[in-house]
Amino acid sequence: MRRHVMKMTAAVLLPSLLLYGCGISKREERAELPDDESNRLIVYNWGEYIDPETIEMFKEETGYDVIYDVFETNEIMYPKVAADPSQYDVICPSDYMIAKMAGEGLLAELDMDDMPQAKKNIGEDYWKMSRDFDPENKYSVPYCWGTVGILYNSKLIDEELDSWESLWDPKYNDDILMQDSVRDLFMVALKKLGYSLNSTDIDELEEAKELLIQQKPLVQAYVVDEVRDKMIAGESAIGVIYSGEAEYTREENEDLVYSIPKEGTNVWIDSWVVTKDSRHKKAAKEWIDFMCRPDIALMNFEYIYYSTPNVGAMELMDEETRANEVLFPDLSKYSGLEAYKYLGKDTDRLYYNLWKEIKSA
């Protein structure tokens, strides 16, 4: 669904079937794992969302044998974990999914005293943001964060775009890219209408649906990762995009501009969690704490280009990077910023059914 900034060649990417440290399959390896005495750790993360060198460093420093697996969306990850929470130890879900998993008893409570690097280096603002989905900060440790906004080509568009309204402007017919994601798609329409992106009101959602159907003839394509390539190549003038991917595209095409709309948007956080049935909880907490070390957090930031909540890592950055308003915006300048919340199975089904109506219109 998101966060796949492919900055490296295939030779150094993290394919989902790669097992770090040996050549047999993960299924075979897991079947042979002993109980808690094992020195292994099984990690489940987004694709291309970590510097592979940090995994090797963790292995060398701790002696743990790390089995690393990847997923493409929260929705692909969730049923695998729900079916057997013991098959993974540490996972990196998004905000609303953390709330869902915690509510279903799939996550272990974390004692921050066991993770001094996390306690010391994660900024208070990010702990506060996390309380939207983890009210007592007891299940998750922030890893990366960002915003969703508008990316536009200043050579093709001669005005500043600071509103979701521009995505309904007829003069941009067939030049608009929308995210092919239920919540992100509805977020744009709901924010344009002045509603919460976590709305459960049927009338508001119907209004958002009709607005998106109205917009549909103007849309060139509903995309996920393709938004990067199309915007870099100048094949589209406007796209809805995640901030980390926006910064990557701006490095490839200096004509691209990223904007956080004045009506507000989604501010998301992906965080490390430990499964309740993890067989290697000690190793899982050591992994999280290691990833919160400033030097390690900086390596991962420089590899994936998504904003880090690690203030220690930010102190190691040059001034130009810290001042980058795409990666580190002053959120106090914006209104209507919200994290996604888990809305329950019935509302999830409602969103999905309305989304199908949009697609078939």
Protein backbone atom coordinates (compact mmCIF):
# COMPACT_ATOMS: atom_id res chain seq x y z
CA MET A 1 0.00 0.00 0.00
CA ARG A 2 2.68 2.51 0.85
CA ARG A 3 6.18 3.28 1.96
CA HIS A 4 8.19 1.43 -0.65
CA VAL A 5 10.81 4.05 -1.59
CA MET A 6 13.01 1.97 -3.87
CA LYS A 7 16.29 3.84 -3.58
CA MET A 8 18.51 0.79 -4.02
CA THR A 9 19.13 -1.79 -6.72
CA ALA A 10 17.60 -5.25 -6.64
CA ALA A 11 20.87 -6.64 -5.33
CA VAL A 12 20.37 -5.04 -1.93
CA LEU A 13 16.60 -5.12 -1.55
CA LEU A 14 14.84 -7.33 1.00
CA PRO A 15 12.73 -9.89 -0.85
CA SER A 16 10.04 -11.56 1.18
CA LEU A 17 11.57 -15.01 0.87
CA LEU A 18 15.03 -14.04 2.04
CA LEU A 19 16.19 -15.66 5.25
CA TYR A 20 19.09 -13.82 6.84
CA GLY A 21 21.80 -16.12 8.09
CA CYS A 22 20.99 -19.39 6.30
CA GLY A 23 19.61 -20.82 3.11
CA ILE A 24 16.59 -22.88 4.14
CA SER A 25 13.03 -21.60 4.00
CA LYS A 26 11.47 -19.69 6.88
CA ARG A 27 8.72 -22.28 7.18
CA GLU A 28 11.27 -25.05 7.72
CA GLU A 29 13.30 -22.86 10.05
CA ARG A 30 10.29 -21.93 12.19
CA ALA A 31 9.29 -25.56 12.53
CA GLU A 32 12.70 -26.28 14.07
CA LEU A 33 12.69 -23.38 16.52
CA PRO A 34 12.95 -24.43 20.14
CA ASP A 35 11.09 -22.61 22.88
CA ASP A 36 12.11 -19.33 24.53
CA GLU A 37 15.72 -20.46 24.92
CA SER A 38 16.24 -19.93 21.19
CA ASN A 39 18.61 -17.16 20.17
CA ARG A 40 16.52 -16.41 17.09
CA LEU A 41 14.29 -13.45 16.34
CA ILE A 42 11.54 -13.31 13.70
CA VAL A 43 10.82 -9.82 12.34
CA TYR A 44 7.91 -8.79 10.08
CA ASN A 45 8.20 -5.37 8.42
CA TRP A 46 7.22 -3.40 5.34
CA GLY A 47 9.28 -4.05 2.21
CA GLU A 48 12.31 -1.78 1.69
CA TYR A 49 11.68 -0.21 5.09
CA ILE A 50 15.02 -0.78 6.79
CA ASP A 51 18.70 -0.54 5.97
CA PRO A 52 19.85 -4.19 5.57
CA GLU A 53 23.17 -3.26 7.17
CA THR A 54 21.42 -2.51 10.48
CA ILE A 55 20.09 -6.07 10.56
CA GLU A 56 23.61 -7.42 10.15
CA MET A 57 24.87 -5.06 12.85
CA PHE A 58 22.17 -6.25 15.25
CA LYS A 59 23.11 -9.87 14.58
CA GLU A 60 26.80 -9.20 15.13
CA GLU A 61 26.28 -7.21 18.32
CA THR A 62 23.72 -9.50 19.95
CA GLY A 63 24.42 -12.92 18.48
CA TYR A 64 20.76 -13.39 17.53
CA ASP A 65 19.91 -15.17 14.31
CA VAL A 66 17.41 -12.82 12.65
CA ILE A 67 14.72 -14.17 10.35
CA TYR A 68 13.36 -11.20 8.42
CA ASP A 69 10.07 -11.28 6.52
CA VAL A 70 8.22 -8.47 4.71
CA PHE A 71 4.65 -7.47 3.88
CA GLU A 72 3.11 -5.00 1.43
CA THR A 73 0.08 -3.78 3.37
CA ASN A 74 -1.33 -3.86 6.89
CA GLU A 75 -4.23 -5.86 5.50
CA ILE A 76 -1.89 -8.59 4.21
CA MET A 77 0.06 -8.66 7.47
CA TYR A 78 -2.90 -8.79 9.87
CA PRO A 79 -4.54 -12.15 8.97
CA LYS A 80 -1.17 -13.92 9.04
CA VAL A 81 -0.45 -12.64 12.54
CA ALA A 82 -4.03 -13.16 13.75
CA ALA A 83 -3.96 -16.78 12.58
CA ASP A 84 -0.84 -17.54 14.64
CA PRO A 85 0.70 -14.65 16.63
CA SER A 86 3.57 -16.85 17.76
CA GLN A 87 5.07 -17.10 14.26
CA TYR A 88 6.42 -13.53 14.50
CA ASP A 89 8.11 -11.72 17.37
CA VAL A 90 8.35 -8.08 16.38
CA ILE A 91 6.21 -6.34 13.74
CA CYS A 92 5.91 -2.80 12.35
CA PRO A 93 2.21 -2.04 11.73
CA SER A 94 0.58 1.34 11.17
CA ASP A 95 -1.35 3.34 13.75
CA TYR A 96 -4.92 2.12 13.15
CA MET A 97 -3.79 -1.49 12.80
CA ILE A 98 -1.97 -1.30 16.12
CA ALA A 99 -5.23 -0.23 17.76
CA LYS A 100 -7.05 -3.14 16.11
CA MET A 101 -4.42 -5.70 17.10
CA ALA A 102 -4.17 -4.42 20.66
CA GLY A 103 -7.94 -4.51 21.01
CA GLU A 104 -7.97 -8.13 19.88
CA GLY A 105 -5.31 -9.14 22.40
CA LEU A 106 -2.61 -9.85 19.81
CA LEU A 107 0.07 -7.56 21.28
CA ALA A 108 2.28 -7.74 24.34
CA GLU A 109 2.53 -4.83 26.74
CA LEU A 110 5.96 -3.18 26.71
CA ASP A 111 7.94 -1.92 29.69
CA MET A 112 9.92 1.10 28.52
CA ASP A 113 12.41 0.56 31.35
CA ASP A 114 13.53 -2.49 29.36
CA MET A 115 14.26 -0.24 26.37
CA PRO A 116 16.36 2.73 27.54
CA GLN A 117 17.23 3.86 24.01
CA ALA A 118 13.54 4.09 23.12
CA LYS A 119 12.75 5.92 26.34
CA LYS A 120 15.59 8.40 25.80
CA ASN A 121 15.51 9.05 22.05
CA ILE A 122 11.90 8.99 20.89
CA GLY A 123 10.64 12.57 21.08
CA GLU A 124 7.77 13.39 23.42
CA ASP A 125 5.73 14.80 20.53
CA TYR A 126 5.71 11.36 18.91
CA TRP A 127 4.72 9.55 22.08
CA LYS A 128 1.87 12.05 22.30
CA MET A 129 0.85 11.45 18.66
CA SER A 130 0.89 7.70 19.34
CA ARG A 131 -1.71 8.07 22.06
CA ASP A 132 -4.32 8.52 19.32
CA PHE A 133 -4.09 4.76 18.72
CA ASP A 134 -2.15 3.51 21.78
CA PRO A 135 -3.64 5.65 24.59
CA GLU A 136 -1.20 4.61 27.31
CA ASN A 137 1.88 4.09 25.08
CA LYS A 138 2.06 0.53 26.31
CA TYR A 139 2.04 -1.50 23.07
CA SER A 140 4.14 0.40 20.53
CA VAL A 141 7.37 2.32 19.93
CA PRO A 142 7.38 4.83 17.02
CA TYR A 143 9.65 3.93 14.10
CA CYS A 144 8.73 6.27 11.22
CA TRP A 145 6.12 8.92 10.56
CA GLY A 146 4.92 11.20 7.82
CA THR A 147 2.06 13.01 6.16
CA VAL A 148 -0.14 12.51 3.11
CA GLY A 149 -0.29 15.45 0.73
CA ILE A 150 -0.36 16.78 -2.81
CA LEU A 151 2.62 16.48 -5.14
CA TYR A 152 2.46 18.70 -8.21
CA ASN A 153 4.69 19.63 -11.14
CA SER A 154 5.44 23.35 -11.08
CA LYS A 155 6.28 23.31 -14.80
CA LEU A 156 2.85 21.96 -15.67
CA ILE A 157 0.92 23.93 -13.03
CA ASP A 158 1.40 27.69 -12.70
CA GLU A 159 -0.18 28.13 -9.27
CA GLU A 160 0.47 27.01 -5.72
CA LEU A 161 -1.73 24.09 -4.73
CA ASP A 162 -2.56 24.14 -1.04
CA SER A 163 -6.05 22.63 -1.03
CA TRP A 164 -7.68 19.29 -1.74
CA GLU A 165 -10.08 21.35 -3.86
CA SER A 166 -7.52 21.38 -6.68
CA LEU A 167 -8.11 17.66 -7.22
CA TRP A 168 -11.61 18.51 -8.44
CA ASP A 169 -10.53 21.29 -10.80
CA PRO A 170 -11.66 20.47 -14.40
CA LYS A 171 -8.56 22.13 -15.87
CA TYR A 172 -6.49 19.22 -14.50
CA ASN A 173 -8.62 16.66 -16.32
CA ASP A 174 -6.72 13.38 -16.86
CA ASP A 175 -3.73 14.74 -14.96
CA ILE A 176 -4.67 13.64 -11.44
CA LEU A 177 -3.39 10.56 -9.60
CA MET A 178 -5.35 9.30 -6.59
CA GLN A 179 -4.29 6.66 -4.10
CA ASP A 180 -5.81 3.23 -4.71
CA SER A 181 -6.50 2.80 -1.01
CA VAL A 182 -9.86 2.89 0.76
CA ARG A 183 -8.93 5.05 3.74
CA ASP A 184 -6.60 7.38 1.82
CA LEU A 185 -9.15 7.93 -0.92
CA PHE A 186 -11.95 8.73 1.52
CA MET A 187 -9.59 10.86 3.63
CA VAL A 188 -9.14 13.32 0.75
CA ALA A 189 -12.88 13.69 0.18
CA LEU A 190 -13.75 13.84 3.87
CA LYS A 191 -11.15 16.52 4.54
CA LYS A 192 -12.30 18.53 1.52
CA LEU A 193 -15.80 18.46 3.01
CA GLY A 194 -14.55 19.53 6.44
CA TYR A 195 -15.15 16.17 8.14
CA SER A 196 -12.91 13.92 10.20
CA LEU A 197 -10.94 11.31 8.28
CA ASN A 198 -12.17 8.89 10.94
CA SER A 199 -15.84 9.63 10.22
CA THR A 200 -18.32 6.85 10.92
CA ASP A 201 -21.33 8.97 9.97
CA ILE A 202 -23.19 7.32 7.09
CA ASP A 203 -24.39 10.65 5.68
CA GLU A 204 -20.86 12.08 5.66
CA LEU A 205 -19.49 8.94 4.04
CA GLU A 206 -22.21 8.94 1.38
CA GLU A 207 -21.42 12.59 0.66
CA ALA A 208 -17.72 11.74 0.33
CA LYS A 209 -18.58 8.82 -1.97
CA GLU A 210 -20.63 11.05 -4.27
CA LEU A 211 -17.80 13.59 -4.34
CA LEU A 212 -15.32 10.91 -5.38
CA ILE A 213 -17.66 9.63 -8.08
CA GLN A 214 -17.97 13.21 -9.30
CA GLN A 215 -14.18 13.47 -9.45
CA LYS A 216 -13.66 10.15 -11.21
CA PRO A 217 -13.74 11.47 -14.84
CA LEU A 218 -10.85 13.81 -13.99
CA VAL A 219 -8.65 11.04 -12.56
CA GLN A 220 -5.93 9.63 -14.81
CA ALA A 221 -5.40 6.60 -12.55
CA TYR A 222 -5.84 5.18 -9.07
CA VAL A 223 -2.33 4.08 -8.12
CA VAL A 224 -0.08 2.99 -5.29
CA ASP A 225 3.66 2.96 -5.97
CA GLU A 226 3.19 4.09 -9.60
CA VAL A 227 2.60 7.66 -8.43
CA ARG A 228 6.38 8.06 -8.03
CA ASP A 229 7.31 7.03 -11.53
CA LYS A 230 4.50 8.94 -13.21
CA MET A 231 5.27 12.16 -11.38
CA ILE A 232 9.01 11.89 -11.92
CA ALA A 233 8.49 11.31 -15.65
CA GLY A 234 6.02 14.19 -15.95
CA GLU A 235 3.22 11.86 -17.06
CA SER A 236 0.85 13.44 -14.53
CA ALA A 237 0.61 16.92 -13.08
CA ILE A 238 -0.82 16.16 -9.61
CA GLY A 239 -0.70 13.16 -7.30
CA VAL A 240 -1.72 12.22 -3.77
CA ILE A 241 1.42 10.87 -2.14
CA TYR A 242 3.18 10.05 1.16
CA SER A 243 5.78 12.54 2.31
CA GLY A 244 8.79 10.19 2.20
CA GLU A 245 8.01 9.17 -1.36
CA ALA A 246 7.43 12.83 -2.23
CA GLU A 247 10.95 13.70 -1.07
CA TYR A 248 12.39 10.87 -3.18
CA THR A 249 10.55 12.13 -6.28
CA ARG A 250 11.77 15.67 -5.63
CA GLU A 251 15.35 14.44 -5.71
CA GLU A 252 14.68 12.85 -9.09
CA ASN A 253 12.71 15.80 -10.54
CA GLU A 254 13.37 19.27 -9.14
CA ASP A 255 10.12 20.63 -10.62
CA LEU A 256 8.01 18.66 -8.14
CA VAL A 257 6.51 20.43 -5.13
CA TYR A 258 4.91 18.82 -2.05
CA SER A 259 2.08 20.51 -0.21
CA ILE A 260 0.11 19.71 2.96
CA PRO A 261 -3.46 20.87 2.20
CA LYS A 262 -4.94 23.59 4.39
CA GLU A 263 -8.03 21.49 5.18
CA GLY A 264 -5.84 18.98 7.01
CA THR A 265 -4.62 15.47 6.30
CA ASN A 266 -3.44 12.18 7.75
CA VAL A 267 -0.34 12.18 9.94
CA TRP A 268 0.63 8.54 10.23
CA ILE A 269 3.01 6.62 12.46
CA ASP A 270 4.42 3.14 11.92
CA SER A 271 5.63 1.56 15.15
CA TRP A 272 7.37 -1.52 16.46
CA VAL A 273 5.19 -3.92 18.45
CA VAL A 274 5.76 -7.33 20.02
CA THR A 275 3.23 -10.12 19.58
CA LYS A 276 1.60 -11.43 22.74
CA ASP A 277 2.57 -15.01 21.87
CA SER A 278 6.14 -14.19 20.82
CA ARG A 279 8.55 -16.94 21.81
CA HIS A 280 11.45 -14.48 21.88
CA LYS A 281 10.23 -11.43 23.78
CA LYS A 282 13.65 -10.56 25.21
CA ALA A 283 15.18 -10.53 21.73
CA ALA A 284 12.22 -8.54 20.40
CA LYS A 285 12.71 -5.80 22.99
CA GLU A 286 16.44 -5.74 22.28
CA TRP A 287 15.65 -5.30 18.57
CA ILE A 288 13.35 -2.35 19.25
CA ASP A 289 15.86 -0.74 21.57
CA PHE A 290 18.66 -1.24 19.04
CA MET A 291 16.57 0.41 16.32
CA CYS A 292 16.10 3.40 18.64
CA ARG A 293 19.83 4.02 18.94
CA PRO A 294 20.54 7.37 17.24
CA ASP A 295 23.20 6.02 14.87
CA ILE A 296 20.96 3.13 13.80
CA ALA A 297 17.88 5.34 13.44
CA LEU A 298 19.92 7.70 11.27
CA MET A 299 21.06 4.83 9.02
CA ASN A 300 17.47 3.71 8.53
CA PHE A 301 16.30 7.28 7.87
CA GLU A 302 18.96 7.78 5.21
CA TYR A 303 18.02 4.49 3.58
CA ILE A 304 14.22 4.76 3.47
CA TYR A 305 13.74 8.56 3.53
CA TYR A 306 10.82 8.57 5.89
CA SER A 307 10.79 10.92 8.86
CA THR A 308 12.23 9.58 12.08
CA PRO A 309 10.76 10.31 15.53
CA ASN A 310 14.24 9.79 16.98
CA VAL A 311 15.50 13.11 18.34
CA GLY A 312 18.95 11.64 18.91
CA ALA A 313 19.19 10.78 15.20
CA MET A 314 17.99 14.26 14.27
CA GLU A 315 20.85 15.77 16.26
CA LEU A 316 23.25 13.81 14.04
CA MET A 317 21.73 15.20 10.83
CA ASP A 318 23.03 18.24 9.00
CA GLU A 319 21.07 21.47 9.35
CA GLU A 320 19.71 21.30 5.80
CA THR A 321 18.10 17.90 6.43
CA ARG A 322 16.59 18.96 9.74
CA ALA A 323 15.12 22.03 8.00
CA ASN A 324 13.50 19.96 5.24
CA GLU A 325 9.80 20.85 5.51
CA VAL A 326 8.68 17.80 3.56
CA LEU A 327 10.34 15.38 5.96
CA PHE A 328 10.12 17.44 9.16
CA PRO A 329 7.25 19.92 8.82
CA ASP A 330 6.26 22.17 11.68
CA LEU A 331 2.91 20.52 12.36
CA SER A 332 1.80 23.42 14.54
CA LYS A 333 1.35 25.44 11.33
CA TYR A 334 -1.44 23.14 10.11
CA SER A 335 -4.94 22.38 11.26
CA GLY A 336 -7.08 19.29 10.74
CA LEU A 337 -4.21 16.82 11.19
CA GLU A 338 -5.33 13.37 12.34
CA ALA A 339 -4.05 9.83 12.70
CA TYR A 340 -6.16 7.01 11.33
CA LYS A 341 -8.10 5.10 13.95
CA TYR A 342 -9.46 1.61 13.76
CA LEU A 343 -13.19 2.10 13.20
CA GLY A 344 -14.43 -1.45 13.80
CA LYS A 345 -15.45 -4.27 11.49
CA ASP A 346 -18.84 -2.84 10.59
CA THR A 347 -17.43 0.54 9.59
CA ASP A 348 -14.57 -1.11 7.73
CA ARG A 349 -17.14 -3.06 5.73
CA LEU A 350 -19.11 0.14 5.05
CA TYR A 351 -16.01 1.94 3.74
CA TYR A 352 -15.16 -1.03 1.54
CA ASN A 353 -18.67 -1.27 0.08
CA LEU A 354 -18.73 2.45 -0.69
CA TRP A 355 -15.30 2.13 -2.28
CA LYS A 356 -16.62 -0.64 -4.55
CA GLU A 357 -19.46 1.67 -5.60
CA ILE A 358 -16.93 4.33 -6.58
CA LYS A 359 -14.85 1.86 -8.57
CA SER A 360 -17.88 0.52 -10.44
CA ALA A 361 -19.48 3.93 -11.12
